[in-house]
Amino acid sequence: MALDREKASELWEKIKHFYEEMYFAPYRRTMLKEIRNEEDVFKLLAFSEMLGIPNPVSYYTLELMPFMLEDFHEWHQRMGMEKSPLDGFKCC
């Protein structure tokens, strides 16, 4: 009896997962694109001081630089800059 309940519960979870995937699949690409756009704007704001744009919160964004430099190369190429726009940081 307990084995049947476990199988039924497992089957129900699989069915639930299937319907969730069917519902969210069309929106997944759109959501990933929006997340990437938000990350790009955030990186632009964080790197704005290095690009010559005044940043009133540069003290706080300076703490984030080590985490953001990991994918800096991909970001600046995605933004249309062939070479690194930062004078002190060469990634290409």
PDB file of N, CA and C in Angstrom:
ATOM      1  N   MET A   1       0.825  -1.194   0.000  1.00  0.00           N
ATOM      2  CA  MET A   1       0.000   0.000   0.000  1.00  0.00           C
ATOM      3  C   MET A   1       0.872   1.262   0.000  1.00  0.00           C
ATOM      4  N   ALA A   2       1.906   1.232   0.843  1.00  0.00           N
ATOM      5  CA  ALA A   2       2.795   2.393   0.903  1.00  0.00           C
ATOM      6  C   ALA A   2       3.571   2.538  -0.397  1.00  0.00           C
ATOM      7  N   LEU A   3       3.887   1.421  -1.022  1.00  0.00           N
ATOM      8  CA  LEU A   3       4.622   1.449  -2.282  1.00  0.00           C
ATOM      9  C   LEU A   3       3.773   2.068  -3.384  1.00  0.00           C
ATOM     10  N   ASP A   4       2.477   1.767  -3.385  1.00  0.00           N
ATOM     11  CA  ASP A   4       1.577   2.355  -4.377  1.00  0.00           C
ATOM     12  C   ASP A   4       1.465   3.868  -4.191  1.00  0.00           C
ATOM     13  N   ARG A   5       1.426   4.310  -2.960  1.00  0.00           N
ATOM     14  CA  ARG A   5       1.355   5.749  -2.701  1.00  0.00           C
ATOM     15  C   ARG A   5       2.635   6.442  -3.144  1.00  0.00           C
ATOM     16  N   GLU A   6       3.764   5.791  -2.915  1.00  0.00           N
ATOM     17  CA  GLU A   6       5.032   6.374  -3.349  1.00  0.00           C
ATOM     18  C   GLU A   6       5.085   6.478  -4.868  1.00  0.00           C
ATOM     19  N   LYS A   7       4.639   5.435  -5.551  1.00  0.00           N
ATOM     20  CA  LYS A   7       4.622   5.457  -7.014  1.00  0.00           C
ATOM     21  C   LYS A   7       3.660   6.516  -7.529  1.00  0.00           C
ATOM     22  N   ALA A   8       2.500   6.611  -6.888  1.00  0.00           N
ATOM     23  CA  ALA A   8       1.518   7.611  -7.302  1.00  0.00           C
ATOM     24  C   ALA A   8       2.063   9.020  -7.067  1.00  0.00           C
ATOM     25  N   SER A   9       2.719   9.204  -5.934  1.00  0.00           N
ATOM     26  CA  SER A   9       3.301  10.512  -5.632  1.00  0.00           C
ATOM     27  C   SER A   9       4.410  10.849  -6.631  1.00  0.00           C
ATOM     28  N   GLU A  10       5.225   9.864  -6.959  1.00  0.00           N
ATOM     29  CA  GLU A  10       6.296  10.064  -7.935  1.00  0.00           C
ATOM     30  C   GLU A  10       5.728  10.381  -9.313  1.00  0.00           C
ATOM     31  N   LEU A  11       4.678   9.664  -9.700  1.00  0.00           N
ATOM     32  CA  LEU A  11       4.028   9.913 -10.984  1.00  0.00           C
ATOM     33  C   LEU A  11       3.418  11.309 -11.008  1.00  0.00           C
ATOM     34  N   TRP A  12       2.793  11.700  -9.917  1.00  0.00           N
ATOM     35  CA  TRP A  12       2.188  13.027  -9.843  1.00  0.00           C
ATOM     36  C   TRP A  12       3.250  14.119  -9.980  1.00  0.00           C
ATOM     37  N   GLU A  13       4.404  13.940  -9.344  1.00  0.00           N
ATOM     38  CA  GLU A  13       5.487  14.921  -9.453  1.00  0.00           C
ATOM     39  C   GLU A  13       5.990  15.025 -10.890  1.00  0.00           C
ATOM     40  N   LYS A  14       6.097  13.896 -11.581  1.00  0.00           N
ATOM     41  CA  LYS A  14       6.530  13.913 -12.978  1.00  0.00           C
ATOM     42  C   LYS A  14       5.517  14.627 -13.864  1.00  0.00           C
ATOM     43  N   ILE A  15       4.239  14.373 -13.635  1.00  0.00           N
ATOM     44  CA  ILE A  15       3.189  15.035 -14.410  1.00  0.00           C
ATOM     45  C   ILE A  15       3.200  16.539 -14.135  1.00  0.00           C
ATOM     46  N   LYS A  16       3.351  16.893 -12.874  1.00  0.00           N
ATOM     47  CA  LYS A  16       3.395  18.304 -12.495  1.00  0.00           C
ATOM     48  C   LYS A  16       4.603  19.000 -13.141  1.00  0.00           C
ATOM     49  N   HIS A  17       5.739  18.340 -13.120  1.00  0.00           N
ATOM     50  CA  HIS A  17       6.946  18.895 -13.742  1.00  0.00           C
ATOM     51  C   HIS A  17       6.746  19.066 -15.247  1.00  0.00           C
ATOM     52  N   PHE A  18       6.111  18.099 -15.888  1.00  0.00           N
ATOM     53  CA  PHE A  18       5.848  18.173 -17.323  1.00  0.00           C
ATOM     54  C   PHE A  18       4.983  19.384 -17.662  1.00  0.00           C
ATOM     55  N   TYR A  19       3.904  19.582 -16.924  1.00  0.00           N
ATOM     56  CA  TYR A  19       3.016  20.709 -17.206  1.00  0.00           C
ATOM     57  C   TYR A  19       3.669  22.054 -16.887  1.00  0.00           C
ATOM     58  N   GLU A  20       4.494  22.095 -15.848  1.00  0.00           N
ATOM     59  CA  GLU A  20       5.215  23.338 -15.561  1.00  0.00           C
ATOM     60  C   GLU A  20       6.173  23.677 -16.695  1.00  0.00           C
ATOM     61  N   GLU A  21       6.874  22.673 -17.207  1.00  0.00           N
ATOM     62  CA  GLU A  21       7.788  22.909 -18.328  1.00  0.00           C
ATOM     63  C   GLU A  21       7.027  23.329 -19.581  1.00  0.00           C
ATOM     64  N   MET A  22       5.892  22.726 -19.834  1.00  0.00           N
ATOM     65  CA  MET A  22       5.093  23.096 -21.003  1.00  0.00           C
ATOM     66  C   MET A  22       4.604  24.541 -20.894  1.00  0.00           C
ATOM     67  N   TYR A  23       4.297  24.979 -19.685  1.00  0.00           N
ATOM     68  CA  TYR A  23       3.807  26.337 -19.495  1.00  0.00           C
ATOM     69  C   TYR A  23       4.936  27.361 -19.614  1.00  0.00           C
ATOM     70  N   PHE A  24       6.091  27.086 -18.995  1.00  0.00           N
ATOM     71  CA  PHE A  24       7.176  28.066 -18.937  1.00  0.00           C
ATOM     72  C   PHE A  24       8.104  28.042 -20.142  1.00  0.00           C
ATOM     73  N   ALA A  25       8.067  27.012 -20.950  1.00  0.00           N
ATOM     74  CA  ALA A  25       9.004  26.888 -22.079  1.00  0.00           C
ATOM     75  C   ALA A  25       8.956  28.078 -23.041  1.00  0.00           C
ATOM     76  N   PRO A  26       7.790  28.572 -23.447  1.00  0.00           N
ATOM     77  CA  PRO A  26       7.781  29.704 -24.385  1.00  0.00           C
ATOM     78  C   PRO A  26       8.361  30.994 -23.792  1.00  0.00           C
ATOM     79  N   TYR A  27       8.343  31.125 -22.493  1.00  0.00           N
ATOM     80  CA  TYR A  27       8.783  32.364 -21.852  1.00  0.00           C
ATOM     81  C   TYR A  27      10.240  32.319 -21.409  1.00  0.00           C
ATOM     82  N   ARG A  28      10.848  31.151 -21.430  1.00  0.00           N
ATOM     83  CA  ARG A  28      12.198  30.994 -20.891  1.00  0.00           C
ATOM     84  C   ARG A  28      13.215  31.856 -21.645  1.00  0.00           C
ATOM     85  N   ARG A  29      13.193  31.838 -22.954  1.00  0.00           N
ATOM     86  CA  ARG A  29      14.156  32.616 -23.741  1.00  0.00           C
ATOM     87  C   ARG A  29      13.971  34.118 -23.500  1.00  0.00           C
ATOM     88  N   THR A  30      12.725  34.558 -23.434  1.00  0.00           N
ATOM     89  CA  THR A  30      12.450  35.975 -23.189  1.00  0.00           C
ATOM     90  C   THR A  30      12.962  36.398 -21.819  1.00  0.00           C
ATOM     91  N   MET A  31      12.730  35.564 -20.827  1.00  0.00           N
ATOM     92  CA  MET A  31      13.182  35.898 -19.476  1.00  0.00           C
ATOM     93  C   MET A  31      14.707  35.920 -19.389  1.00  0.00           C
ATOM     94  N   LEU A  32      15.377  34.976 -20.042  1.00  0.00           N
ATOM     95  CA  LEU A  32      16.839  34.967 -20.033  1.00  0.00           C
ATOM     96  C   LEU A  32      17.410  36.200 -20.729  1.00  0.00           C
ATOM     97  N   LYS A  33      16.746  36.632 -21.801  1.00  0.00           N
ATOM     98  CA  LYS A  33      17.198  37.837 -22.503  1.00  0.00           C
ATOM     99  C   LYS A  33      17.033  39.070 -21.618  1.00  0.00           C
ATOM    100  N   GLU A  34      15.934  39.167 -20.911  1.00  0.00           N
ATOM    101  CA  GLU A  34      15.711  40.301 -20.012  1.00  0.00           C
ATOM    102  C   GLU A  34      16.704  40.304 -18.856  1.00  0.00           C
ATOM    103  N   ILE A  35      17.004  39.135 -18.331  1.00  0.00           N
ATOM    104  CA  ILE A  35      17.993  39.046 -17.253  1.00  0.00           C
ATOM    105  C   ILE A  35      19.352  39.514 -17.751  1.00  0.00           C
ATOM    106  N   ARG A  36      19.725  39.089 -18.957  1.00  0.00           N
ATOM    107  CA  ARG A  36      21.011  39.511 -19.531  1.00  0.00           C
ATOM    108  C   ARG A  36      21.035  41.027 -19.750  1.00  0.00           C
ATOM    109  N   ASN A  37      19.923  41.599 -20.218  1.00  0.00           N
ATOM    110  CA  ASN A  37      19.863  43.051 -20.422  1.00  0.00           C
ATOM    111  C   ASN A  37      20.025  43.803 -19.104  1.00  0.00           C
ATOM    112  N   GLU A  38      19.371  43.311 -18.052  1.00  0.00           N
ATOM    113  CA  GLU A  38      19.501  43.951 -16.748  1.00  0.00           C
ATOM    114  C   GLU A  38      20.931  43.854 -16.227  1.00  0.00           C
ATOM    115  N   GLU A  39      21.574  42.705 -16.435  1.00  0.00           N
ATOM    116  CA  GLU A  39      22.965  42.558 -16.013  1.00  0.00           C
ATOM    117  C   GLU A  39      23.879  43.504 -16.791  1.00  0.00           C
ATOM    118  N   ASP A  40      23.600  43.678 -18.081  1.00  0.00           N
ATOM    119  CA  ASP A  40      24.413  44.587 -18.893  1.00  0.00           C
ATOM    120  C   ASP A  40      24.293  46.028 -18.415  1.00  0.00           C
ATOM    121  N   VAL A  41      23.093  46.453 -18.093  1.00  0.00           N
ATOM    122  CA  VAL A  41      22.897  47.818 -17.589  1.00  0.00           C
ATOM    123  C   VAL A  41      23.588  47.983 -16.237  1.00  0.00           C
ATOM    124  N   PHE A  42      23.480  46.979 -15.401  1.00  0.00           N
ATOM    125  CA  PHE A  42      24.137  47.045 -14.093  1.00  0.00           C
ATOM    126  C   PHE A  42      25.652  47.143 -14.246  1.00  0.00           C
ATOM    127  N   LYS A  43      26.214  46.355 -15.163  1.00  0.00           N
ATOM    128  CA  LYS A  43      27.663  46.415 -15.388  1.00  0.00           C
ATOM    129  C   LYS A  43      28.069  47.767 -15.959  1.00  0.00           C
ATOM    130  N   LEU A  44      27.261  48.309 -16.834  1.00  0.00           N
ATOM    131  CA  LEU A  44      27.560  49.635 -17.375  1.00  0.00           C
ATOM    132  C   LEU A  44      27.583  50.673 -16.259  1.00  0.00           C
ATOM    133  N   LEU A  45      26.634  50.591 -15.351  1.00  0.00           N
ATOM    134  CA  LEU A  45      26.615  51.528 -14.225  1.00  0.00           C
ATOM    135  C   LEU A  45      27.804  51.308 -13.297  1.00  0.00           C
ATOM    136  N   ALA A  46      28.162  50.054 -13.080  1.00  0.00           N
ATOM    137  CA  ALA A  46      29.281  49.764 -12.183  1.00  0.00           C
ATOM    138  C   ALA A  46      30.611  50.187 -12.795  1.00  0.00           C
ATOM    139  N   PHE A  47      30.778  50.001 -14.100  1.00  0.00           N
ATOM    140  CA  PHE A  47      32.024  50.366 -14.771  1.00  0.00           C
ATOM    141  C   PHE A  47      32.021  51.805 -15.278  1.00  0.00           C
ATOM    142  N   SER A  48      30.973  52.558 -15.011  1.00  0.00           N
ATOM    143  CA  SER A  48      30.862  53.906 -15.568  1.00  0.00           C
ATOM    144  C   SER A  48      31.997  54.818 -15.108  1.00  0.00           C
ATOM    145  N   GLU A  49      32.454  54.670 -13.887  1.00  0.00           N
ATOM    146  CA  GLU A  49      33.559  55.504 -13.395  1.00  0.00           C
ATOM    147  C   GLU A  49      34.822  55.258 -14.214  1.00  0.00           C
ATOM    148  N   MET A  50      35.070  54.018 -14.587  1.00  0.00           N
ATOM    149  CA  MET A  50      36.253  53.698 -15.391  1.00  0.00           C
ATOM    150  C   MET A  50      36.098  54.149 -16.837  1.00  0.00           C
ATOM    151  N   LEU A  51      34.863  54.313 -17.272  1.00  0.00           N
ATOM    152  CA  LEU A  51      34.603  54.752 -18.640  1.00  0.00           C
ATOM    153  C   LEU A  51      34.523  56.266 -18.759  1.00  0.00           C
ATOM    154  N   GLY A  52      34.666  56.978 -17.643  1.00  0.00           N
ATOM    155  CA  GLY A  52      34.669  58.435 -17.670  1.00  0.00           C
ATOM    156  C   GLY A  52      33.333  59.064 -17.345  1.00  0.00           C
ATOM    157  N   ILE A  53      32.372  58.287 -16.940  1.00  0.00           N
ATOM    158  CA  ILE A  53      31.056  58.810 -16.567  1.00  0.00           C
ATOM    159  C   ILE A  53      31.017  58.906 -15.044  1.00  0.00           C
ATOM    160  N   PRO A  54      30.666  60.063 -14.484  1.00  0.00           N
ATOM    161  CA  PRO A  54      30.638  60.185 -13.022  1.00  0.00           C
ATOM    162  C   PRO A  54      29.644  59.206 -12.394  1.00  0.00           C
ATOM    163  N   ASN A  55      30.083  58.568 -11.338  1.00  0.00           N
ATOM    164  CA  ASN A  55      29.249  57.592 -10.644  1.00  0.00           C
ATOM    165  C   ASN A  55      29.200  57.978  -9.172  1.00  0.00           C
ATOM    166  N   PRO A  56      28.045  58.403  -8.670  1.00  0.00           N
ATOM    167  CA  PRO A  56      27.968  58.851  -7.279  1.00  0.00           C
ATOM    168  C   PRO A  56      28.125  57.723  -6.261  1.00  0.00           C
ATOM    169  N   VAL A  57      27.966  56.485  -6.676  1.00  0.00           N
ATOM    170  CA  VAL A  57      28.095  55.359  -5.746  1.00  0.00           C
ATOM    171  C   VAL A  57      29.302  54.493  -6.093  1.00  0.00           C
ATOM    172  N   SER A  58      30.351  55.114  -6.600  1.00  0.00           N
ATOM    173  CA  SER A  58      31.526  54.344  -7.029  1.00  0.00           C
ATOM    174  C   SER A  58      32.196  53.628  -5.863  1.00  0.00           C
ATOM    175  N   TYR A  59      32.077  54.166  -4.666  1.00  0.00           N
ATOM    176  CA  TYR A  59      32.667  53.510  -3.497  1.00  0.00           C
ATOM    177  C   TYR A  59      32.050  52.129  -3.287  1.00  0.00           C
ATOM    178  N   TYR A  60      30.749  52.021  -3.487  1.00  0.00           N
ATOM    179  CA  TYR A  60      30.065  50.746  -3.272  1.00  0.00           C
ATOM    180  C   TYR A  60      30.263  49.792  -4.444  1.00  0.00           C
ATOM    181  N   THR A  61      30.302  50.327  -5.646  1.00  0.00           N
ATOM    182  CA  THR A  61      30.493  49.451  -6.805  1.00  0.00           C
ATOM    183  C   THR A  61      31.928  48.952  -6.896  1.00  0.00           C
ATOM    184  N   LEU A  62      32.858  49.644  -6.262  1.00  0.00           N
ATOM    185  CA  LEU A  62      34.249  49.199  -6.258  1.00  0.00           C
ATOM    186  C   LEU A  62      34.382  47.834  -5.586  1.00  0.00           C
ATOM    187  N   GLU A  63      33.552  47.571  -4.595  1.00  0.00           N
ATOM    188  CA  GLU A  63      33.584  46.277  -3.914  1.00  0.00           C
ATOM    189  C   GLU A  63      33.128  45.140  -4.822  1.00  0.00           C
ATOM    190  N   LEU A  64      32.342  45.448  -5.840  1.00  0.00           N
ATOM    191  CA  LEU A  64      31.817  44.417  -6.740  1.00  0.00           C
ATOM    192  C   LEU A  64      32.749  44.091  -7.897  1.00  0.00           C
ATOM    193  N   MET A  65      33.756  44.913  -8.119  1.00  0.00           N
ATOM    194  CA  MET A  65      34.626  44.743  -9.286  1.00  0.00           C
ATOM    195  C   MET A  65      35.247  43.354  -9.414  1.00  0.00           C
ATOM    196  N   PRO A  66      35.797  42.763  -8.354  1.00  0.00           N
ATOM    197  CA  PRO A  66      36.405  41.433  -8.538  1.00  0.00           C
ATOM    198  C   PRO A  66      35.417  40.389  -9.052  1.00  0.00           C
ATOM    199  N   PHE A  67      34.170  40.499  -8.668  1.00  0.00           N
ATOM    200  CA  PHE A  67      33.166  39.535  -9.119  1.00  0.00           C
ATOM    201  C   PHE A  67      32.734  39.807 -10.558  1.00  0.00           C
ATOM    202  N   MET A  68      32.766  41.064 -10.946  1.00  0.00           N
ATOM    203  CA  MET A  68      32.284  41.436 -12.273  1.00  0.00           C
ATOM    204  C   MET A  68      33.349  41.311 -13.350  1.00  0.00           C
ATOM    205  N   LEU A  69      34.618  41.286 -12.979  1.00  0.00           N
ATOM    206  CA  LEU A  69      35.684  41.197 -13.965  1.00  0.00           C
ATOM    207  C   LEU A  69      35.793  39.810 -14.590  1.00  0.00           C
ATOM    208  N   GLU A  70      35.161  38.810 -13.976  1.00  0.00           N
ATOM    209  CA  GLU A  70      35.231  37.447 -14.503  1.00  0.00           C
ATOM    210  C   GLU A  70      34.656  37.354 -15.912  1.00  0.00           C
ATOM    211  N   ASP A  71      33.545  37.996 -16.149  1.00  0.00           N
ATOM    212  CA  ASP A  71      32.926  37.927 -17.479  1.00  0.00           C
ATOM    213  C   ASP A  71      32.947  39.286 -18.188  1.00  0.00           C
ATOM    214  N   PHE A  72      33.925  40.108 -17.853  1.00  0.00           N
ATOM    215  CA  PHE A  72      34.050  41.432 -18.463  1.00  0.00           C
ATOM    216  C   PHE A  72      34.300  41.338 -19.962  1.00  0.00           C
ATOM    217  N   HIS A  73      35.120  40.388 -20.389  1.00  0.00           N
ATOM    218  CA  HIS A  73      35.459  40.244 -21.809  1.00  0.00           C
ATOM    219  C   HIS A  73      34.204  39.974 -22.642  1.00  0.00           C
ATOM    220  N   GLU A  74      33.371  39.050 -22.193  1.00  0.00           N
ATOM    221  CA  GLU A  74      32.124  38.758 -22.919  1.00  0.00           C
ATOM    222  C   GLU A  74      31.224  39.982 -22.954  1.00  0.00           C
ATOM    223  N   TRP A  75      31.178  40.710 -21.838  1.00  0.00           N
ATOM    224  CA  TRP A  75      30.291  41.872 -21.754  1.00  0.00           C
ATOM    225  C   TRP A  75      30.712  42.958 -22.729  1.00  0.00           C
ATOM    226  N   HIS A  76      31.992  43.315 -22.759  1.00  0.00           N
ATOM    227  CA  HIS A  76      32.377  44.435 -23.621  1.00  0.00           C
ATOM    228  C   HIS A  76      32.287  44.054 -25.095  1.00  0.00           C
ATOM    229  N   GLN A  77      32.437  42.787 -25.435  1.00  0.00           N
ATOM    230  CA  GLN A  77      32.233  42.383 -26.825  1.00  0.00           C
ATOM    231  C   GLN A  77      30.750  42.399 -27.183  1.00  0.00           C
ATOM    232  N   ARG A  78      29.893  42.024 -26.248  1.00  0.00           N
ATOM    233  CA  ARG A  78      28.452  42.052 -26.483  1.00  0.00           C
ATOM    234  C   ARG A  78      27.948  43.484 -26.640  1.00  0.00           C
ATOM    235  N   MET A  79      28.634  44.432 -25.989  1.00  0.00           N
ATOM    236  CA  MET A  79      28.261  45.836 -26.094  1.00  0.00           C
ATOM    237  C   MET A  79      28.815  46.494 -27.352  1.00  0.00           C
ATOM    238  N   GLY A  80      29.579  45.759 -28.149  1.00  0.00           N
ATOM    239  CA  GLY A  80      30.083  46.278 -29.411  1.00  0.00           C
ATOM    240  C   GLY A  80      31.470  46.887 -29.338  1.00  0.00           C
ATOM    241  N   MET A  81      32.169  46.685 -28.250  1.00  0.00           N
ATOM    242  CA  MET A  81      33.531  47.206 -28.107  1.00  0.00           C
ATOM    243  C   MET A  81      34.509  46.077 -28.420  1.00  0.00           C
ATOM    244  N   GLU A  82      35.321  46.265 -29.457  1.00  0.00           N
ATOM    245  CA  GLU A  82      36.246  45.202 -29.847  1.00  0.00           C
ATOM    246  C   GLU A  82      37.354  44.994 -28.822  1.00  0.00           C
ATOM    247  N   LYS A  83      37.853  46.079 -28.267  1.00  0.00           N
ATOM    248  CA  LYS A  83      38.920  45.995 -27.262  1.00  0.00           C
ATOM    249  C   LYS A  83      38.398  46.543 -25.950  1.00  0.00           C
ATOM    250  N   SER A  84      39.095  46.233 -24.889  1.00  0.00           N
ATOM    251  CA  SER A  84      38.687  46.684 -23.564  1.00  0.00           C
ATOM    252  C   SER A  84      38.683  48.210 -23.496  1.00  0.00           C
ATOM    253  N   PRO A  85      37.593  48.822 -23.037  1.00  0.00           N
ATOM    254  CA  PRO A  85      37.543  50.283 -22.940  1.00  0.00           C
ATOM    255  C   PRO A  85      38.286  50.821 -21.720  1.00  0.00           C
ATOM    256  N   LEU A  86      38.716  49.953 -20.843  1.00  0.00           N
ATOM    257  CA  LEU A  86      39.388  50.380 -19.628  1.00  0.00           C
ATOM    258  C   LEU A  86      40.887  50.475 -19.867  1.00  0.00           C
ATOM    259  N   ASP A  87      41.480  51.574 -19.433  1.00  0.00           N
ATOM    260  CA  ASP A  87      42.913  51.785 -19.643  1.00  0.00           C
ATOM    261  C   ASP A  87      43.759  50.833 -18.807  1.00  0.00           C
ATOM    262  N   GLY A  88      43.390  50.640 -17.567  1.00  0.00           N
ATOM    263  CA  GLY A  88      44.213  49.834 -16.674  1.00  0.00           C
ATOM    264  C   GLY A  88      43.940  48.346 -16.735  1.00  0.00           C
ATOM    265  N   PHE A  89      42.962  47.929 -17.497  1.00  0.00           N
ATOM    266  CA  PHE A  89      42.592  46.512 -17.532  1.00  0.00           C
ATOM    267  C   PHE A  89      42.550  46.041 -18.972  1.00  0.00           C
ATOM    268  N   LYS A  90      43.468  45.206 -19.340  1.00  0.00           N
ATOM    269  CA  LYS A  90      43.522  44.664 -20.702  1.00  0.00           C
ATOM    270  C   LYS A  90      43.082  43.204 -20.654  1.00  0.00           C
ATOM    271  N   CYS A  91      42.050  42.888 -21.360  1.00  0.00           N
ATOM    272  CA  CYS A  91      41.585  41.501 -21.361  1.00  0.00           C
ATOM    273  C   CYS A  91      41.737  40.853 -22.730  1.00  0.00           C
ATOM    274  N   CYS A  92      41.956  41.618 -23.757  1.00  0.00           N
ATOM    275  CA  CYS A  92      42.046  41.066 -25.114  1.00  0.00           C
ATOM    276  C   CYS A  92      43.490  40.971 -25.569  1.00  0.00           C
TER     277      CYS A  92
END
